[in-house]
């Protein structure tokens, strides 16, 4: 299975919405009622009558507990166990058979299963185990490596499928409770609890940025990959794809792809087998203040256009690439091209920001407005996005 540098690919989270402060208070009160530290200079004496937990706090803690139980009971039947088999060839040992495991969730009653691309990538055989123990071979319907999403299909009676309900990841807040249900280390439908630690993170994988992901401290481990992320109402709000860990296991830093990305990509994978990525057709160099000062550029930050692909959307819109190449302490520098300062009024400082904006908010055929500096003067260009060519 593929792993990005600095990350162990993993997966499944559920979000339980609401404020954590009251519940944390209840847990701390319960702890203090059972464990009393002695005052300085006084011997420790056991208490015969523990301090009772106030009924209101106990009631709220039990309500949260009931919410966790309810989500697990309603959603775990939608979580599936995925196993893969692949054959690798060694020069001395010949064919080597490899097995992998991951998670997924039921998309519809037609047998579509959503998971991470890295769970099934390069697999020769894929097998899905439903919650009731039904085991079936699966075929790959479509996959998108960039967003690490894949859709499988299994042929079993439709009454065996319990589809998930989709939520809206744009409404998430840091501090919401999360529950992870998946198959870590092959342990079916394991549940762990945490909170949303951050939103809008960018993962720098080995070959690309993966933008605006959800960070959580729920325990996620290898084998969780591909499971759903849900809120308190049992709605999917994401799918976990990675953890950051020096040990290969959970240290409380996990990442999930938001459901709004899933809602955009999965229907395309079912319909076409691939996702059409929006494309400008140009390459850029990131301007820094030191670079701008050295070459007397009119701005301190932006994207200097290096090359424009012939016939690309950027070329058709009139974007200009570099006219000269200079070898400097910064490396080979391309000068004379348009400087992009913003896209749709969003300031741009890094290439990643441009790529993530296109991937998360735009589609092929839509138009973007580029704010650029050309020959020291600000102008705008309208670019109709094309589809990124393979490779």
Protein backbone atom coordinates (compact mmCIF):
# COMPACT_ATOMS: atom_id res chain seq x y z
CA UNK A 1 0.00 0.00 0.00
CA UNK A 2 1.19 3.49 -0.84
CA UNK A 3 2.38 5.77 1.93
CA UNK A 4 3.23 9.44 1.70
CA UNK A 5 6.45 10.77 3.21
CA UNK A 6 5.94 11.53 6.90
CA UNK A 7 2.47 10.01 6.98
CA UNK A 8 0.95 6.64 7.63
CA UNK A 9 -2.22 6.37 5.56
CA UNK A 10 -5.14 5.56 7.79
CA UNK A 11 -8.79 6.25 8.08
CA UNK A 12 -12.38 6.70 9.58
CA UNK A 13 -13.81 9.32 11.80
CA UNK A 14 -17.18 10.43 13.02
CA UNK A 15 -17.94 13.89 14.34
CA UNK A 16 -20.29 14.42 17.24
CA UNK A 17 -21.38 18.06 17.15
CA UNK A 18 -21.76 20.34 20.13
CA UNK A 19 -19.80 22.06 22.88
CA UNK A 20 -17.23 19.96 24.70
CA UNK A 21 -16.82 22.21 27.76
CA UNK A 22 -19.75 20.88 29.81
CA UNK A 23 -18.84 17.25 29.21
CA UNK A 24 -15.19 17.81 30.03
CA UNK A 25 -16.35 19.45 33.25
CA UNK A 26 -18.44 16.41 34.04
CA UNK A 27 -15.50 14.09 33.50
CA UNK A 28 -13.24 16.21 35.70
CA UNK A 29 -15.93 16.38 38.43
CA UNK A 30 -16.34 12.61 38.32
CA UNK A 31 -12.60 12.13 38.62
CA UNK A 32 -12.31 14.53 41.56
CA UNK A 33 -15.17 12.81 43.32
CA UNK A 34 -13.34 9.48 43.21
CA UNK A 35 -9.76 10.60 43.76
CA UNK A 36 -8.91 13.12 46.51
CA UNK A 37 -5.35 14.31 46.89
CA UNK A 38 -4.24 14.97 50.49
CA UNK A 39 -3.51 18.53 51.58
CA UNK A 40 0.10 19.48 52.21
CA UNK A 41 1.27 18.12 55.56
CA UNK A 42 -1.77 15.89 56.07
CA UNK A 43 -1.74 12.09 55.88
CA UNK A 44 -3.72 10.50 53.09
CA UNK A 45 -6.89 8.90 54.41
CA UNK A 46 -9.42 6.97 52.37
CA UNK A 47 -12.88 8.52 52.14
CA UNK A 48 -15.75 6.24 53.12
CA UNK A 49 -18.34 8.33 51.25
CA UNK A 50 -17.24 9.66 47.83
CA UNK A 51 -18.54 13.10 46.90
CA UNK A 52 -21.60 12.57 44.70
CA UNK A 53 -21.66 13.92 41.15
CA UNK A 54 -24.30 16.64 40.76
CA UNK A 55 -27.34 15.22 38.95
CA UNK A 56 -27.23 17.84 36.17
CA UNK A 57 -23.61 17.05 35.26
CA UNK A 58 -24.20 13.31 35.49
CA UNK A 59 -27.25 13.66 33.25
CA UNK A 60 -25.29 15.59 30.62
CA UNK A 61 -22.46 13.06 30.68
CA UNK A 62 -24.92 10.22 30.21
CA UNK A 63 -26.59 12.09 27.34
CA UNK A 64 -23.23 12.35 25.57
CA UNK A 65 -22.58 8.69 26.23
CA UNK A 66 -25.98 7.84 24.76
CA UNK A 67 -25.17 9.92 21.67
CA UNK A 68 -21.92 7.97 21.12
CA UNK A 69 -23.77 4.67 21.49
CA UNK A 70 -26.56 5.76 19.15
CA UNK A 71 -24.17 6.84 16.39
CA UNK A 72 -22.25 3.59 16.61
CA UNK A 73 -25.40 1.48 16.48
CA UNK A 74 -26.78 3.39 13.48
CA UNK A 75 -23.58 3.81 11.45
CA UNK A 76 -21.48 0.71 12.09
CA UNK A 77 -23.75 -1.44 9.84
CA UNK A 78 -22.72 0.88 6.97
CA UNK A 79 -18.99 0.37 7.58
CA UNK A 80 -17.31 -2.40 5.60
CA UNK A 81 -14.00 -4.24 5.87
CA UNK A 82 -11.89 -4.23 2.70
CA UNK A 83 -9.08 -6.69 2.02
CA UNK A 84 -6.82 -6.56 -1.02
CA UNK A 85 -4.33 -8.92 -2.63
CA UNK A 86 -1.55 -7.96 -4.98
CA UNK A 87 1.38 -9.72 -6.58
CA UNK A 88 4.87 -8.25 -6.66
CA UNK A 89 7.85 -9.84 -8.42
CA UNK A 90 11.27 -10.23 -6.87
CA UNK A 91 14.32 -10.99 -9.01
CA UNK A 92 15.46 -13.80 -6.71
CA UNK A 93 12.29 -15.01 -4.98
CA UNK A 94 9.85 -14.71 -7.88
CA UNK A 95 6.22 -13.67 -7.22
CA UNK A 96 5.49 -12.32 -3.75
CA UNK A 97 1.85 -12.18 -2.62
CA UNK A 98 0.89 -9.15 -0.53
CA UNK A 99 -2.30 -8.48 1.43
CA UNK A 100 -3.72 -5.20 2.66
CA UNK A 101 -6.69 -4.14 4.73
CA UNK A 102 -8.79 -1.01 5.06
CA UNK A 103 -12.26 0.38 5.66
CA UNK A 104 -15.06 1.77 3.53
CA UNK A 105 -18.71 2.74 3.73
CA UNK A 106 -21.89 2.00 1.79
CA UNK A 107 -22.80 4.78 -0.65
CA UNK A 108 -26.11 3.46 -2.05
CA UNK A 109 -28.27 0.35 -2.41
CA UNK A 110 -26.73 -0.39 -5.83
CA UNK A 111 -23.63 -1.76 -4.14
CA UNK A 112 -21.24 1.20 -4.41
CA UNK A 113 -18.63 1.38 -1.65
CA UNK A 114 -16.50 4.48 -1.00
CA UNK A 115 -12.95 4.15 0.31
CA UNK A 116 -9.48 5.68 -0.08
CA UNK A 117 -7.62 5.20 -3.34
CA UNK A 118 -4.52 4.06 -1.49
CA UNK A 119 -6.49 1.18 0.06
CA UNK A 120 -7.15 -0.45 -3.33
CA UNK A 121 -4.39 1.00 -5.49
CA UNK A 122 -2.52 -1.70 -7.48
CA UNK A 123 -4.70 -4.47 -6.04
CA UNK A 124 -5.25 -7.59 -8.16
CA UNK A 125 -8.18 -8.77 -6.03
CA UNK A 126 -10.52 -6.78 -3.76
CA UNK A 127 -12.88 -8.33 -1.23
CA UNK A 128 -15.54 -6.56 0.84
CA UNK A 129 -16.97 -7.89 4.10
CA UNK A 130 -20.30 -6.34 5.10
CA UNK A 131 -21.38 -5.81 8.70
CA UNK A 132 -23.51 -8.98 8.68
CA UNK A 133 -20.51 -11.06 7.59
CA UNK A 134 -21.44 -11.28 3.90
CA UNK A 135 -18.24 -11.52 1.84
CA UNK A 136 -18.13 -10.57 -1.83
CA UNK A 137 -15.60 -9.79 -4.52
CA UNK A 138 -15.50 -6.13 -5.52
CA UNK A 139 -14.69 -4.38 -8.78
CA UNK A 140 -13.11 -0.96 -9.04
CA UNK A 141 -15.60 1.52 -10.54
CA UNK A 142 -13.34 4.56 -10.47
CA UNK A 143 -10.49 6.18 -8.57
CA UNK A 144 -8.91 9.59 -8.13
CA UNK A 145 -5.36 9.52 -6.78
CA UNK A 146 -5.20 13.27 -6.18
CA UNK A 147 -8.12 13.30 -3.70
CA UNK A 148 -7.31 9.75 -2.51
CA UNK A 149 -10.83 8.50 -3.23
CA UNK A 150 -12.08 5.33 -4.88
CA UNK A 151 -15.43 3.69 -5.53
CA UNK A 152 -15.97 -0.10 -5.52
CA UNK A 153 -19.02 -2.15 -6.40
CA UNK A 154 -20.16 -5.47 -4.98
CA UNK A 155 -23.00 -7.66 -6.27
CA UNK A 156 -25.19 -8.74 -3.36
CA UNK A 157 -28.94 -8.30 -2.69
CA UNK A 158 -29.80 -4.58 -2.19
CA UNK A 159 -31.45 -5.19 1.19
CA UNK A 160 -28.00 -5.92 2.61
CA UNK A 161 -26.84 -2.33 1.98
CA UNK A 162 -27.42 0.43 4.53
CA UNK A 163 -26.24 3.68 2.88
CA UNK A 164 -24.82 6.52 4.93
CA UNK A 165 -26.32 10.01 5.05
CA UNK A 166 -24.16 12.91 3.84
CA UNK A 167 -23.60 16.11 5.81
CA UNK A 168 -21.92 19.46 5.09
CA UNK A 169 -18.26 19.85 6.05
CA UNK A 170 -18.42 23.65 5.59
CA UNK A 171 -20.35 23.86 8.87
CA UNK A 172 -17.77 22.09 11.04
CA UNK A 173 -16.12 23.76 14.03
CA UNK A 174 -12.95 23.05 15.99
CA UNK A 175 -13.87 21.33 19.25
CA UNK A 176 -16.67 19.14 17.93
CA UNK A 177 -16.58 15.60 19.24
CA UNK A 178 -15.50 12.93 16.78
CA UNK A 179 -15.90 9.16 16.71
CA UNK A 180 -13.77 6.90 14.53
CA UNK A 181 -15.26 3.58 13.46
CA UNK A 182 -13.11 1.34 11.30
CA UNK A 183 -10.93 -1.72 11.13
CA UNK A 184 -7.56 -0.80 12.67
CA UNK A 185 -5.14 -3.70 12.41
CA UNK A 186 -8.03 -5.83 11.14
CA UNK A 187 -10.18 -5.35 14.26
CA UNK A 188 -13.66 -4.92 12.74
CA UNK A 189 -15.78 -1.86 13.56
CA UNK A 190 -13.59 -0.46 16.30
CA UNK A 191 -14.77 2.87 17.75
CA UNK A 192 -12.57 5.64 19.14
CA UNK A 193 -13.48 9.14 20.32
CA UNK A 194 -11.81 12.55 19.98
CA UNK A 195 -12.42 16.09 18.76
CA UNK A 196 -11.82 18.13 15.63
CA UNK A 197 -8.38 19.63 16.29
CA UNK A 198 -8.16 21.98 13.30
CA UNK A 199 -9.78 22.79 9.96
CA UNK A 200 -8.33 23.83 6.63
CA UNK A 201 -5.04 21.97 7.00
CA UNK A 202 -2.86 21.26 3.97
CA UNK A 203 -1.11 17.89 3.73
CA UNK A 204 2.16 17.98 1.83
CA UNK A 205 2.24 14.47 0.42
CA UNK A 206 5.19 13.16 -1.57
CA UNK A 207 3.81 14.27 -4.94
CA UNK A 208 1.19 16.94 -4.26
CA UNK A 209 -0.63 19.04 -1.68
CA UNK A 210 -3.96 17.77 -0.33
CA UNK A 211 -5.78 20.86 0.84
CA UNK A 212 -8.35 21.90 3.42
CA UNK A 213 -8.44 18.59 5.30
CA UNK A 214 -9.81 18.04 8.79
CA UNK A 215 -7.40 17.35 11.65
CA UNK A 216 -8.54 15.21 14.60
CA UNK A 217 -7.08 13.63 17.72
CA UNK A 218 -9.33 10.56 17.54
CA UNK A 219 -7.21 7.42 17.58
CA UNK A 220 -6.75 6.35 13.94
CA UNK A 221 -4.44 3.55 12.89
CA UNK A 222 -3.51 1.55 9.77
CA UNK A 223 -6.63 -0.30 8.64
CA UNK A 224 -8.97 2.58 9.46
CA UNK A 225 -8.39 4.02 5.98
CA UNK A 226 -11.53 4.81 4.03
CA UNK A 227 -14.14 4.89 6.78
CA UNK A 228 -16.76 7.65 7.16
CA UNK A 229 -16.62 10.77 9.32
CA UNK A 230 -20.01 11.56 10.87
CA UNK A 231 -21.70 14.17 13.04
CA UNK A 232 -24.06 13.64 15.95
CA UNK A 233 -26.95 13.03 13.57
CA UNK A 234 -25.04 10.23 11.86
CA UNK A 235 -24.24 12.25 8.74
CA UNK A 236 -20.94 11.73 6.95
CA UNK A 237 -18.73 14.81 7.15
CA UNK A 238 -15.45 13.28 5.94
CA UNK A 239 -13.27 10.28 5.23
CA UNK A 240 -9.91 9.81 6.94
CA UNK A 241 -6.85 9.35 4.79
CA UNK A 242 -3.68 9.88 6.84
CA UNK A 243 -2.01 10.18 10.23
CA UNK A 244 1.22 11.86 11.18
CA UNK A 245 3.26 9.52 13.32
CA UNK A 246 6.93 8.71 13.92
CA UNK A 247 5.95 5.26 15.23
CA UNK A 248 3.42 4.16 12.61
CA UNK A 249 0.54 4.26 15.11
CA UNK A 250 -1.79 6.94 16.40
CA UNK A 251 -0.30 9.82 18.37
CA UNK A 252 -3.44 11.91 18.08
CA UNK A 253 -2.81 13.65 14.75
CA UNK A 254 -5.10 12.32 12.05
CA UNK A 255 -6.50 13.85 8.87
CA UNK A 256 -9.80 13.43 7.01
CA UNK A 257 -10.93 14.49 3.54
CA UNK A 258 -14.05 16.70 3.92
CA UNK A 259 -17.39 15.34 2.73
CA UNK A 260 -17.90 18.27 0.36
CA UNK A 261 -14.93 16.95 -1.60
CA UNK A 262 -16.46 13.47 -1.53
CA UNK A 263 -19.80 14.82 -2.79
CA UNK A 264 -18.00 16.51 -5.68
CA UNK A 265 -15.74 13.59 -6.69
CA UNK A 266 -17.65 10.35 -6.03
CA UNK A 267 -20.57 10.96 -8.46
CA UNK A 268 -18.02 11.61 -11.21
CA UNK A 269 -16.19 8.38 -10.37
CA UNK A 270 -19.45 6.44 -10.58
CA UNK A 271 -20.48 8.09 -13.84
CA UNK A 272 -17.10 8.30 -15.64
CA UNK A 273 -14.63 6.20 -13.69
CA UNK A 274 -12.44 9.28 -13.20
CA UNK A 275 -12.63 12.84 -11.93
CA UNK A 276 -11.96 15.72 -14.39
CA UNK A 277 -9.53 18.10 -12.68
CA UNK A 278 -9.69 21.80 -13.62
CA UNK A 279 -6.56 23.07 -15.36
CA UNK A 280 -5.01 26.42 -16.24
CA UNK A 281 -2.10 25.10 -18.28
CA UNK A 282 0.78 27.15 -16.90
CA UNK A 283 3.72 26.74 -14.50
CA UNK A 284 4.77 29.30 -11.91
CA UNK A 285 7.59 30.47 -9.64
CA UNK A 286 6.82 31.72 -6.13
CA UNK A 287 8.03 35.29 -5.54
CA UNK A 288 9.56 36.10 -2.15
CA UNK A 289 10.49 39.56 -0.80
CA UNK A 290 14.20 38.80 -1.29
CA UNK A 291 13.60 37.70 -4.87
CA UNK A 292 11.42 40.73 -5.58
CA UNK A 293 14.07 43.08 -4.21
CA UNK A 294 16.87 41.41 -6.15
CA UNK A 295 15.05 41.72 -9.47
CA UNK A 296 13.21 44.98 -8.72
CA UNK A 297 9.75 43.53 -9.09
CA UNK A 298 6.78 45.81 -8.32
CA UNK A 299 5.35 43.46 -5.63
CA UNK A 300 6.78 41.34 -2.81
CA UNK A 301 4.61 38.23 -3.30
CA UNK A 302 2.85 36.47 -6.13
CA UNK A 303 3.29 33.80 -8.79
CA UNK A 304 5.62 34.58 -11.66
CA UNK A 305 4.44 32.82 -14.82
CA UNK A 306 7.28 30.65 -16.14
CA UNK A 307 5.68 28.76 -19.02
CA UNK A 308 2.28 28.60 -20.70
CA UNK A 309 1.32 25.37 -22.48
CA UNK A 310 0.39 26.00 -26.14
CA UNK A 311 -3.36 25.77 -26.68
CA UNK A 312 -4.08 25.60 -22.94
CA UNK A 313 -6.81 27.68 -21.25
CA UNK A 314 -4.16 30.12 -19.99
CA UNK A 315 -2.74 30.45 -23.49
CA UNK A 316 -6.17 31.08 -25.00
CA UNK A 317 -6.84 33.76 -22.37
CA UNK A 318 -3.59 35.54 -23.24
CA UNK A 319 -1.46 34.80 -20.17
CA UNK A 320 2.21 35.44 -20.94
CA UNK A 321 5.11 33.27 -19.85
CA UNK A 322 8.73 34.21 -19.20
CA UNK A 323 10.78 35.83 -21.96
CA UNK A 324 14.26 35.32 -20.51
CA UNK A 325 16.15 32.81 -18.38
CA UNK A 326 18.84 33.97 -15.95
CA UNK A 327 21.13 31.81 -13.77
CA UNK A 328 21.37 33.33 -10.25
CA UNK A 329 21.90 32.42 -6.62
CA UNK A 330 18.20 31.57 -6.59
CA UNK A 331 18.81 29.01 -9.31
CA UNK A 332 17.59 29.37 -12.87
CA UNK A 333 15.19 32.33 -12.89
CA UNK A 334 12.63 33.01 -15.60
CA UNK A 335 11.78 36.70 -15.99
CA UNK A 336 9.42 38.79 -18.08
CA UNK A 337 6.24 36.75 -17.55
CA UNK A 338 2.95 37.89 -16.05
CA UNK A 339 2.79 37.98 -12.25
CA UNK A 340 -0.44 36.54 -10.81
CA UNK A 341 -1.40 38.23 -7.55
CA UNK A 342 -4.93 36.82 -7.05
CA UNK A 343 -7.54 34.46 -8.43
CA UNK A 344 -11.18 35.47 -8.02
CA UNK A 345 -9.93 38.15 -5.58
CA UNK A 346 -8.17 35.52 -3.44
CA UNK A 347 -4.54 36.62 -2.91
CA UNK A 348 -1.97 34.05 -4.06
CA UNK A 349 1.49 33.64 -2.55
CA UNK A 350 2.12 29.94 -3.19
CA UNK A 351 1.43 27.56 -6.05
CA UNK A 352 -0.29 25.24 -3.57
CA UNK A 353 -2.90 27.93 -2.88
CA UNK A 354 -3.75 28.14 -6.57
CA UNK A 355 -3.96 24.34 -6.97
CA UNK A 356 -6.08 23.86 -3.83
CA UNK A 357 -8.50 26.62 -4.82
CA UNK A 358 -9.04 25.10 -8.26
CA UNK A 359 -9.46 21.57 -6.86
CA UNK A 360 -11.83 22.47 -4.04
CA UNK A 361 -13.95 25.23 -5.51
CA UNK A 362 -13.89 25.11 -9.31
CA UNK A 363 -14.90 22.68 -12.05
CA UNK A 364 -13.94 22.17 -15.67
CA UNK A 365 -15.74 24.72 -17.85
CA UNK A 366 -16.03 27.36 -15.14
CA UNK A 367 -14.32 30.74 -15.44
CA UNK A 368 -11.80 32.30 -13.07
CA UNK A 369 -10.55 35.88 -12.93
CA UNK A 370 -6.78 36.34 -12.69
CA UNK A 371 -5.39 39.57 -11.25
CA UNK A 372 -1.95 40.04 -12.78
CA UNK A 373 0.88 42.54 -13.09
CA UNK A 374 2.12 42.94 -16.66
CA UNK A 375 4.92 45.38 -17.48
CA UNK A 376 4.32 47.05 -14.12
CA UNK A 377 0.59 47.60 -14.69
CA UNK A 378 -2.32 45.72 -13.06
CA UNK A 379 -4.79 44.01 -15.41
CA UNK A 380 -7.26 41.13 -15.22
CA UNK A 381 -7.76 38.08 -17.42
CA UNK A 382 -10.75 35.75 -17.68
CA UNK A 383 -9.75 32.08 -18.04
CA UNK A 384 -12.19 29.26 -18.80
CA UNK A 385 -10.79 26.17 -17.12
CA UNK A 386 -10.04 23.05 -19.13
CA UNK A 387 -9.48 19.46 -18.03
CA UNK A 388 -6.02 18.54 -16.83
CA UNK A 389 -4.37 16.10 -19.25
CA UNK A 390 -3.40 12.63 -17.95
CA UNK A 391 -0.02 12.67 -16.20
